[in-house]
């Protein structure tokens, strides 16, 4: 059930971003970031074992901790970009 929710969320992100991009309500430089996020969520939704492999490769104990760490780094990057 959660796998289908992740896939649906990723498809929704991609469709909304493409819709905003086509109506010129979202700039291209921000659309790329959102499309990458949507594609990564879609890949992790389709192949959830990939997250477990990444967790083992990085040496993190829980997959949720890896997701939170990636999200924090992403938010720091966006914050840095907006304040630049």
Protein backbone atom coordinates (compact mmCIF):
# COMPACT_ATOMS: atom_id res chain seq x y z
CA UNK A 1 0.00 0.00 0.00
CA UNK A 2 2.76 2.46 0.94
CA UNK A 3 4.60 1.64 -2.32
CA UNK A 4 1.57 2.69 -4.36
CA UNK A 5 1.25 5.85 -2.28
CA UNK A 6 4.89 6.75 -3.00
CA UNK A 7 4.45 6.12 -6.71
CA UNK A 8 1.24 8.17 -6.80
CA UNK A 9 2.94 11.03 -4.92
CA UNK A 10 5.87 11.04 -7.36
CA UNK A 11 3.58 11.06 -10.39
CA UNK A 12 1.53 13.87 -8.81
CA UNK A 13 4.67 15.95 -8.21
CA UNK A 14 5.83 15.46 -11.79
CA UNK A 15 2.40 16.28 -13.28
CA UNK A 16 1.94 19.40 -11.12
CA UNK A 17 5.43 20.69 -11.91
CA UNK A 18 4.97 20.11 -15.63
CA UNK A 19 1.59 21.85 -15.48
CA UNK A 20 3.05 24.85 -13.67
CA UNK A 21 5.95 24.94 -16.10
CA UNK A 22 3.70 24.88 -19.16
CA UNK A 23 1.53 27.72 -17.80
CA UNK A 24 4.69 29.72 -17.02
CA UNK A 25 3.91 29.94 -13.30
CA UNK A 26 7.15 28.18 -12.38
CA UNK A 27 10.60 29.14 -13.61
CA UNK A 28 12.78 26.57 -15.32
CA UNK A 29 15.59 26.65 -12.77
CA UNK A 30 13.16 25.65 -10.00
CA UNK A 31 11.32 23.16 -12.19
CA UNK A 32 14.49 21.15 -12.72
CA UNK A 33 14.92 20.71 -8.97
CA UNK A 34 11.31 19.60 -8.51
CA UNK A 35 11.46 17.23 -11.47
CA UNK A 36 14.61 15.61 -10.11
CA UNK A 37 12.93 15.19 -6.73
CA UNK A 38 9.85 13.68 -8.39
CA UNK A 39 11.93 11.26 -10.46
CA UNK A 40 13.98 10.17 -7.44
CA UNK A 41 10.80 9.57 -5.41
CA UNK A 42 9.35 7.63 -8.35
CA UNK A 43 12.47 5.46 -8.64
CA UNK A 44 12.49 4.78 -4.89
CA UNK A 45 8.77 4.01 -5.04
CA UNK A 46 9.21 1.50 -7.85
CA UNK A 47 12.40 -0.04 -6.43
CA UNK A 48 12.17 0.25 -2.61
CA UNK A 49 15.06 -2.21 -2.18
CA UNK A 50 17.31 0.46 -3.71
CA UNK A 51 16.89 2.51 -0.54
CA UNK A 52 17.99 -0.44 1.58
CA UNK A 53 21.04 -0.91 -0.64
CA UNK A 54 21.92 2.79 -0.32
CA UNK A 55 21.48 2.56 3.44
CA UNK A 56 23.94 -0.32 3.62
CA UNK A 57 26.38 1.38 1.23
CA UNK A 58 26.44 4.63 3.20
CA UNK A 59 26.46 2.90 6.58
CA UNK A 60 23.26 4.37 7.96
CA UNK A 61 21.27 2.22 10.37
CA UNK A 62 17.72 2.93 9.16
CA UNK A 63 16.45 3.88 5.69
CA UNK A 64 14.27 6.62 7.23
CA UNK A 65 17.38 8.25 8.67
CA UNK A 66 18.95 8.33 5.22
CA UNK A 67 15.82 9.92 3.75
CA UNK A 68 15.78 12.59 6.47
CA UNK A 69 19.48 13.31 5.96
CA UNK A 70 18.99 13.69 2.21
CA UNK A 71 15.98 15.97 2.80
CA UNK A 72 17.97 18.15 5.22
CA UNK A 73 20.84 18.50 2.73
CA UNK A 74 18.34 19.35 -0.01
CA UNK A 75 16.68 22.01 2.15
CA UNK A 76 20.05 23.50 3.05
CA UNK A 77 20.92 23.68 -0.63
CA UNK A 78 17.64 25.42 -1.48
CA UNK A 79 18.12 27.84 1.41
CA UNK A 80 21.63 28.63 0.26
CA UNK A 81 20.45 29.13 -3.30
CA UNK A 82 17.63 31.48 -2.26
CA UNK A 83 19.90 33.57 -0.04
CA UNK A 84 22.63 33.77 -2.69
